[in-house]
Amino acid sequence: MDKIRVLVVDDFSLARNIICRALSSDPDLEIAGTAADAQQARSAVRTLCPDVITLDVEMPGLDGLSFLRALLAVHPIPVVMVSALTTRVSDTALRALALGAVDVVAKPQGSFERFGDEFSQELVFKVRAAARARVVRRTGGEHVWAHLERMSQPTKAEPKEGVVPVANGEPILLLGASTGGCEAIQSIVGSLPMDSPPVVCVLHLPPVFSARFAQLLDQHCALHVREAHDGQQLLRGRVYIAPGGKHLCFAETRTSRISIVDRPPVRHHRPSIDLTFESAAQHFGPRAVAALLTGMGDDGASGLLAIRKAGGYTVAQDERTSQIFGMPKKAIEQGAAMGVVPLERIAAVLHEQAQLRRSARA
């Protein structure tokens, strides 16, 4: 099998060296070259024809986001953003995901010399996943969030005092995603009505990124979107994004509440979709309505199966609309998915199933 050739783009020479060292630890990856700015990167793309590009957000001259926009209009090459964990930079990285970047890896805080095995393993995993991603050519220079700015904004009702929390017996929607998940989640959440049951989303995002993604999504959909916190009550018309770097479970109380758990990663993932889905199966049983979306690997497949066995309703995103058909495929193979649904239909299917479960309870 041919090696995956990677172009490393970062204006900081030490960062380039460390990223190259991390990627070189995998025998299936090969460093095609490096670039310190957008001009060098453009030249390298033409001459080296890399399979994957790792791209820094902040660069002198043309920034990473602008370079990505130009790149995908001409050369649809998979891009993994490598970004610092700051609110401003993570905001830009999330916009890059919406624009067409395949995934994002957070640079550990502190000195570059402190980069360890965890960073190397995550970077290698996501670069390998990116090499298999289906990247399409983007026309124009606009990203998803800019398109949404031009669309008529939905009217969002302000939260009212004394909102009744979802009591035990009400349905809940669950979404799990990895590579390509930001766009998939936005598509589904943006199509749900304002009276939707609570929605819990688990994506493989690092800390800070999850909070910024929640804030950006909240600006462009009818539902209220927040990063989940320990002890939160689940409310109708609300979306809860699992915090990066921690697991999300559910607490056994009279009203449904979120429990944020600080445990080691589960098969390299924290948050783990499996852990959340399995907790939902135990807590909600037949009232859990879940979808496993695009992503590399098998996280979420066993959790989706647990929900199905508990009497809940489960779907997997179909291959045509998945950026990477890894996690959904594994769920289908394990018999965890009761339906295989294209992305544009998932919101309607989940809402319909939730309504059936609410009606059955009435």
Protein backbone atom coordinates (compact mmCIF):
# COMPACT_ATOMS: atom_id res chain seq x y z
CA MET A 1 0.00 0.00 0.00
CA ASP A 2 1.31 3.46 -0.91
CA LYS A 3 2.17 5.74 1.96
CA ILE A 4 0.00 8.75 2.79
CA ARG A 5 1.99 11.84 1.81
CA VAL A 6 1.49 14.81 4.13
CA LEU A 7 2.33 18.49 3.61
CA VAL A 8 2.90 20.29 6.93
CA VAL A 9 2.07 24.03 6.87
CA ASP A 10 2.99 26.11 9.94
CA ASP A 11 4.88 29.37 10.26
CA PHE A 12 6.64 28.22 13.47
CA SER A 13 9.66 26.06 12.62
CA LEU A 14 9.62 24.20 15.94
CA ALA A 15 5.95 23.36 15.43
CA ARG A 16 6.70 22.01 11.93
CA ASN A 17 9.47 19.84 13.32
CA ILE A 18 7.30 18.42 16.09
CA ILE A 19 4.37 17.76 13.77
CA CYS A 20 6.70 16.05 11.29
CA ARG A 21 8.17 13.95 14.09
CA ALA A 22 4.73 12.92 15.26
CA LEU A 23 3.58 11.94 11.78
CA SER A 24 6.82 10.08 11.06
CA SER A 25 6.09 7.76 13.99
CA ASP A 26 3.53 5.99 11.78
CA PRO A 27 5.04 3.80 9.03
CA ASP A 28 2.10 4.48 6.72
CA LEU A 29 2.68 8.25 6.73
CA GLU A 30 5.34 10.15 4.80
CA ILE A 31 6.28 13.83 5.03
CA ALA A 32 5.93 15.17 1.49
CA GLY A 33 7.25 18.56 2.50
CA THR A 34 6.78 21.59 4.74
CA ALA A 35 5.78 25.22 4.22
CA ALA A 36 5.99 28.30 6.42
CA ASP A 37 3.30 30.42 4.75
CA ALA A 38 0.52 30.32 2.19
CA GLN A 39 2.76 31.23 -0.73
CA GLN A 40 5.13 28.32 0.00
CA ALA A 41 2.16 26.05 0.58
CA ARG A 42 0.60 26.87 -2.80
CA SER A 43 3.87 26.07 -4.52
CA ALA A 44 4.23 22.83 -2.56
CA VAL A 45 0.72 21.70 -3.49
CA ARG A 46 1.49 22.12 -7.18
CA THR A 47 4.86 20.37 -7.08
CA LEU A 48 4.43 17.75 -4.35
CA CYS A 49 0.77 16.71 -4.80
CA PRO A 50 0.24 15.74 -1.14
CA ASP A 51 -2.57 13.40 -0.04
CA VAL A 52 -3.27 15.39 3.16
CA ILE A 53 -2.31 18.84 4.46
CA THR A 54 -1.92 19.87 8.09
CA LEU A 55 -2.61 23.59 8.31
CA ASP A 56 -2.01 26.18 11.01
CA VAL A 57 -4.76 28.72 11.58
CA GLU A 58 -2.56 31.76 12.12
CA MET A 59 0.08 32.50 9.47
CA PRO A 60 1.73 35.68 8.20
CA GLY A 61 0.27 37.17 5.05
CA LEU A 62 -2.62 35.00 3.94
CA ASP A 63 -4.12 33.34 7.03
CA GLY A 64 -5.00 29.66 7.24
CA LEU A 65 -8.71 30.22 6.65
CA SER A 66 -8.15 32.27 3.51
CA PHE A 67 -5.66 29.73 2.21
CA LEU A 68 -8.10 26.90 2.85
CA ARG A 69 -10.83 28.74 0.94
CA ALA A 70 -8.54 29.22 -2.05
CA LEU A 71 -7.17 25.66 -1.88
CA LEU A 72 -10.54 23.90 -1.90
CA ALA A 73 -11.71 25.99 -4.84
CA VAL A 74 -8.86 24.57 -6.94
CA HIS A 75 -7.45 21.44 -5.26
CA PRO A 76 -9.93 19.51 -3.03
CA ILE A 77 -7.25 18.01 -0.78
CA PRO A 78 -8.13 16.81 2.75
CA VAL A 79 -6.98 19.35 5.35
CA VAL A 80 -6.49 18.83 9.09
CA MET A 81 -6.30 22.10 11.02
CA VAL A 82 -3.69 22.19 13.82
CA SER A 83 -4.70 25.01 16.13
CA ALA A 84 -3.90 26.49 19.50
CA LEU A 85 -6.46 26.20 22.29
CA THR A 86 -7.59 29.82 22.50
CA THR A 87 -11.11 31.13 22.05
CA ARG A 88 -10.23 33.36 19.10
CA VAL A 89 -8.15 30.76 17.26
CA SER A 90 -10.59 27.92 17.95
CA ASP A 91 -13.38 30.09 16.55
CA THR A 92 -11.41 30.39 13.31
CA ALA A 93 -10.66 26.66 13.28
CA LEU A 94 -14.35 25.85 13.61
CA ARG A 95 -15.09 28.15 10.70
CA ALA A 96 -12.44 26.20 8.77
CA LEU A 97 -14.35 22.98 9.52
CA ALA A 98 -17.51 24.59 8.20
CA LEU A 99 -15.58 25.74 5.12
CA GLY A 100 -14.42 22.21 4.31
CA ALA A 101 -11.49 21.20 6.52
CA VAL A 102 -11.81 17.53 7.48
CA ASP A 103 -10.81 17.74 11.15
CA VAL A 104 -8.97 19.72 13.79
CA VAL A 105 -6.22 18.87 16.28
CA ALA A 106 -5.47 21.10 19.25
CA LYS A 107 -1.90 22.12 19.99
CA PRO A 108 -1.31 21.36 23.68
CA GLN A 109 -1.10 24.41 25.87
CA GLY A 110 2.34 25.41 27.09
CA SER A 111 5.74 24.73 25.58
CA PHE A 112 6.00 22.86 22.28
CA GLU A 113 8.61 20.62 23.89
CA ARG A 114 5.83 19.21 26.10
CA PHE A 115 4.01 17.66 23.13
CA GLY A 116 3.58 14.02 24.11
CA ASP A 117 2.23 10.72 22.93
CA GLU A 118 -1.41 11.77 23.26
CA PHE A 119 -0.96 14.60 20.74
CA SER A 120 1.01 12.36 18.36
CA GLN A 121 -1.58 9.59 18.49
CA GLU A 122 -4.48 12.00 17.88
CA LEU A 123 -2.67 13.71 15.00
CA VAL A 124 -1.78 10.41 13.32
CA PHE A 125 -5.31 9.08 13.79
CA LYS A 126 -6.93 12.16 12.27
CA VAL A 127 -4.47 12.45 9.36
CA ARG A 128 -5.08 8.78 8.47
CA ALA A 129 -8.82 9.41 8.66
CA ALA A 130 -8.51 12.54 6.51
CA ALA A 131 -6.73 10.58 3.78
CA ARG A 132 -9.93 8.55 3.36
CA ALA A 133 -12.29 11.51 3.47
CA ARG A 134 -14.48 12.50 0.55
CA VAL A 135 -13.53 16.15 -0.12
CA VAL A 136 -15.49 18.11 -2.70
CA ARG A 137 -14.46 21.19 -4.62
CA ARG A 138 -15.96 24.34 -3.10
CA THR A 139 -17.19 27.01 -5.49
CA GLY A 140 -16.88 30.65 -4.48
CA GLY A 141 -15.16 31.82 -1.35
CA GLU A 142 -17.87 31.52 1.24
CA HIS A 143 -18.04 29.08 4.15
CA VAL A 144 -21.13 27.65 5.80
CA TRP A 145 -21.41 30.29 8.48
CA ALA A 146 -21.26 33.12 5.91
CA HIS A 147 -24.00 31.41 3.87
CA LEU A 148 -26.13 31.25 6.99
CA GLU A 149 -25.55 34.96 7.66
CA ARG A 150 -27.17 35.77 4.30
CA MET A 151 -30.13 33.52 4.92
CA SER A 152 -33.13 34.75 6.86
CA GLN A 153 -32.43 34.12 10.50
CA PRO A 154 -35.01 32.08 12.43
CA THR A 155 -36.75 33.92 15.21
CA LYS A 156 -35.55 32.50 18.49
CA ALA A 157 -37.71 32.91 21.56
CA GLU A 158 -35.88 33.98 24.67
CA PRO A 159 -35.74 31.40 27.48
CA LYS A 160 -38.64 31.91 29.85
CA GLU A 161 -38.43 31.87 33.59
CA GLY A 162 -39.75 28.72 35.21
CA VAL A 163 -39.38 26.44 32.16
CA VAL A 164 -40.51 22.97 33.18
CA PRO A 165 -37.63 20.49 32.86
CA VAL A 166 -38.14 17.29 30.89
CA ALA A 167 -39.49 14.75 33.34
CA ASN A 168 -38.73 11.05 33.18
CA GLY A 169 -41.01 9.66 30.50
CA GLU A 170 -40.21 12.24 27.80
CA PRO A 171 -38.10 11.35 24.71
CA ILE A 172 -34.58 12.59 24.04
CA LEU A 173 -32.60 12.95 20.79
CA LEU A 174 -28.93 11.93 20.66
CA LEU A 175 -26.38 12.65 17.92
CA GLY A 176 -22.86 11.20 17.71
CA ALA A 177 -20.31 12.31 15.12
CA SER A 178 -16.61 12.64 14.40
CA THR A 179 -14.94 13.56 11.10
CA GLY A 180 -17.27 15.90 9.20
CA GLY A 181 -19.53 16.07 12.23
CA CYS A 182 -19.71 19.86 12.62
CA GLU A 183 -21.50 20.30 9.30
CA ALA A 184 -23.67 17.22 9.88
CA ILE A 185 -24.75 18.40 13.35
CA GLN A 186 -25.48 21.89 12.03
CA SER A 187 -27.64 20.44 9.25
CA ILE A 188 -29.71 18.32 11.64
CA VAL A 189 -30.06 20.80 14.49
CA GLY A 190 -30.92 23.59 12.06
CA SER A 191 -33.82 21.52 10.72
CA LEU A 192 -35.45 20.70 14.07
CA PRO A 193 -38.51 22.66 15.28
CA MET A 194 -38.39 24.92 18.32
CA ASP A 195 -40.47 22.50 20.41
CA SER A 196 -38.04 19.66 19.79
CA PRO A 197 -37.18 17.28 22.62
CA PRO A 198 -33.77 17.99 24.14
CA VAL A 199 -30.87 17.14 21.84
CA VAL A 200 -27.53 15.86 23.17
CA CYS A 201 -24.60 15.97 20.71
CA VAL A 202 -21.27 14.21 21.17
CA LEU A 203 -18.46 15.19 18.78
CA HIS A 204 -14.77 14.41 18.95
CA LEU A 205 -13.74 18.01 19.67
CA PRO A 206 -11.02 19.22 22.05
CA PRO A 207 -11.70 21.63 24.94
CA VAL A 208 -12.54 25.25 23.98
CA PHE A 209 -13.60 24.08 20.51
CA SER A 210 -16.76 22.48 21.88
CA ALA A 211 -17.78 25.68 23.66
CA ARG A 212 -17.12 27.83 20.59
CA PHE A 213 -18.97 25.39 18.34
CA ALA A 214 -21.98 25.60 20.67
CA GLN A 215 -21.87 29.41 20.57
CA LEU A 216 -21.61 29.56 16.78
CA LEU A 217 -24.37 26.99 16.28
CA ASP A 218 -26.60 28.88 18.70
CA GLN A 219 -26.37 31.97 16.49
CA HIS A 220 -27.71 30.17 13.45
CA CYS A 221 -30.53 27.87 14.52
CA ALA A 222 -33.91 28.17 16.20
CA LEU A 223 -32.98 25.98 19.16
CA HIS A 224 -30.88 27.22 22.08
CA VAL A 225 -27.45 25.59 21.95
CA ARG A 226 -25.08 25.42 24.91
CA GLU A 227 -22.03 23.42 25.95
CA ALA A 228 -23.26 20.89 28.50
CA HIS A 229 -22.47 21.33 32.21
CA ASP A 230 -22.72 18.95 35.12
CA GLY A 231 -26.16 18.87 36.72
CA GLN A 232 -27.99 20.63 33.86
CA GLN A 233 -31.65 19.73 33.47
CA LEU A 234 -32.72 18.66 29.99
CA LEU A 235 -35.23 21.10 28.49
CA ARG A 236 -37.29 21.03 25.32
CA GLY A 237 -35.97 23.25 22.58
CA ARG A 238 -32.39 22.98 23.89
CA VAL A 239 -29.25 21.45 22.39
CA TYR A 240 -26.38 20.30 24.63
CA ILE A 241 -22.87 19.87 23.18
CA ALA A 242 -20.64 17.46 25.11
CA PRO A 243 -17.61 19.36 26.47
CA GLY A 244 -14.30 18.50 24.87
CA GLY A 245 -11.95 16.53 27.11
CA LYS A 246 -14.73 15.06 29.29
CA HIS A 247 -17.44 12.42 29.02
CA LEU A 248 -21.19 13.09 29.09
CA CYS A 249 -23.56 10.72 30.89
CA PHE A 250 -26.98 11.01 32.53
CA ALA A 251 -27.92 11.10 36.20
CA GLU A 252 -30.68 9.06 37.84
CA THR A 253 -33.04 11.74 39.15
CA ARG A 254 -36.76 12.57 38.95
CA THR A 255 -36.01 14.99 36.12
CA SER A 256 -33.45 14.15 33.49
CA ARG A 257 -30.06 15.70 34.19
CA ILE A 258 -26.63 15.67 32.59
CA SER A 259 -23.62 14.25 34.39
CA ILE A 260 -20.16 15.36 33.20
CA VAL A 261 -17.53 12.73 34.01
CA ASP A 262 -13.77 13.26 34.05
CA ARG A 263 -12.45 9.79 33.14
CA PRO A 264 -9.66 8.53 30.86
CA PRO A 265 -10.34 8.39 27.11
CA VAL A 266 -12.32 5.41 25.83
CA ARG A 267 -10.46 3.96 22.82
CA HIS A 268 -8.68 7.32 22.30
CA HIS A 269 -11.89 9.36 22.57
CA ARG A 270 -12.97 11.83 25.24
CA PRO A 271 -15.85 12.50 24.98
CA SER A 272 -16.87 8.98 24.00
CA ILE A 273 -20.05 8.51 21.96
CA ASP A 274 -20.33 4.93 23.19
CA LEU A 275 -20.30 6.05 26.82
CA THR A 276 -23.03 8.65 26.26
CA PHE A 277 -25.22 6.32 24.20
CA GLU A 278 -24.86 3.48 26.71
CA SER A 279 -25.82 5.83 29.55
CA ALA A 280 -28.82 7.00 27.51
CA ALA A 281 -29.89 3.39 26.92
CA GLN A 282 -29.80 2.73 30.65
CA HIS A 283 -31.50 5.98 31.68
CA PHE A 284 -34.06 6.54 28.88
CA GLY A 285 -34.60 3.07 27.36
CA PRO A 286 -37.29 3.22 24.64
CA ARG A 287 -37.43 7.03 24.88
CA ALA A 288 -33.93 7.40 23.39
CA VAL A 289 -33.86 8.31 19.69
CA ALA A 290 -30.31 8.33 18.34
CA ALA A 291 -28.33 8.85 15.13
CA LEU A 292 -24.71 7.90 14.49
CA LEU A 293 -23.17 10.21 11.91
CA THR A 294 -20.06 10.53 9.77
CA GLY A 295 -16.71 9.61 11.33
CA MET A 296 -13.64 7.41 11.32
CA GLY A 297 -13.42 4.30 13.50
CA ASP A 298 -16.12 2.53 15.49
CA ASP A 299 -16.99 4.87 18.37
CA GLY A 300 -20.75 4.93 18.88
CA ALA A 301 -21.57 1.59 17.24
CA SER A 302 -21.85 -0.43 20.45
CA GLY A 303 -23.65 2.44 22.18
CA LEU A 304 -26.18 2.66 19.34
CA LEU A 305 -26.73 -1.10 19.66
CA ALA A 306 -27.35 -0.66 23.40
CA ILE A 307 -30.06 1.91 22.64
CA ARG A 308 -31.71 -0.42 20.13
CA LYS A 309 -31.66 -3.32 22.59
CA ALA A 310 -33.22 -1.03 25.22
CA GLY A 311 -36.17 -0.36 22.89
CA GLY A 312 -35.03 3.01 21.54
CA TYR A 313 -34.93 4.04 17.89
CA THR A 314 -31.61 4.18 16.03
CA VAL A 315 -30.38 5.33 12.62
CA ALA A 316 -27.04 5.59 10.86
CA GLN A 317 -26.10 8.20 8.27
CA ASP A 318 -25.85 6.71 4.79
CA GLU A 319 -22.61 6.36 2.83
CA ARG A 320 -23.50 8.92 0.15
CA THR A 321 -23.79 11.82 2.59
CA SER A 322 -21.06 10.74 5.04
CA GLN A 323 -17.69 12.41 4.73
CA ILE A 324 -16.23 9.21 6.18
CA PHE A 325 -18.45 6.12 6.29
CA GLY A 326 -16.58 4.49 9.19
CA MET A 327 -18.70 4.80 12.33
CA PRO A 328 -22.07 4.45 10.54
CA LYS A 329 -20.82 1.43 8.60
CA LYS A 330 -19.66 -0.29 11.78
CA ALA A 331 -23.05 0.33 13.40
CA ILE A 332 -24.85 -1.13 10.38
CA GLU A 333 -22.59 -4.19 10.39
CA GLN A 334 -23.32 -4.78 14.08
CA GLY A 335 -27.07 -4.54 13.54
CA ALA A 336 -27.27 -1.39 15.67
CA ALA A 337 -29.09 0.80 13.11
CA MET A 338 -32.81 0.36 12.52
CA GLY A 339 -32.55 2.63 9.51
CA VAL A 340 -29.89 4.00 7.14
CA VAL A 341 -30.83 7.59 6.34
CA PRO A 342 -29.29 10.39 4.22
CA LEU A 343 -28.24 13.47 6.17
CA GLU A 344 -31.00 15.68 4.79
CA ARG A 345 -33.68 13.30 6.14
CA ILE A 346 -32.26 12.53 9.60
CA ALA A 347 -33.86 15.48 11.44
CA ALA A 348 -37.34 14.61 10.16
CA VAL A 349 -36.95 10.92 11.01
CA LEU A 350 -35.70 11.60 14.54
CA HIS A 351 -38.42 14.16 15.25
CA GLU A 352 -41.14 11.82 13.95
CA GLN A 353 -39.91 8.97 16.14
CA ALA A 354 -39.72 11.25 19.18
CA GLN A 355 -43.29 12.38 18.59
CA LEU A 356 -44.48 8.77 18.40
CA ARG A 357 -42.85 8.03 21.73
CA ARG A 358 -44.34 11.15 23.29
CA SER A 359 -47.80 10.23 21.95
CA ALA A 360 -47.50 6.67 23.22
CA ARG A 361 -46.81 8.02 26.70
CA ALA A 362 -49.79 10.41 26.68
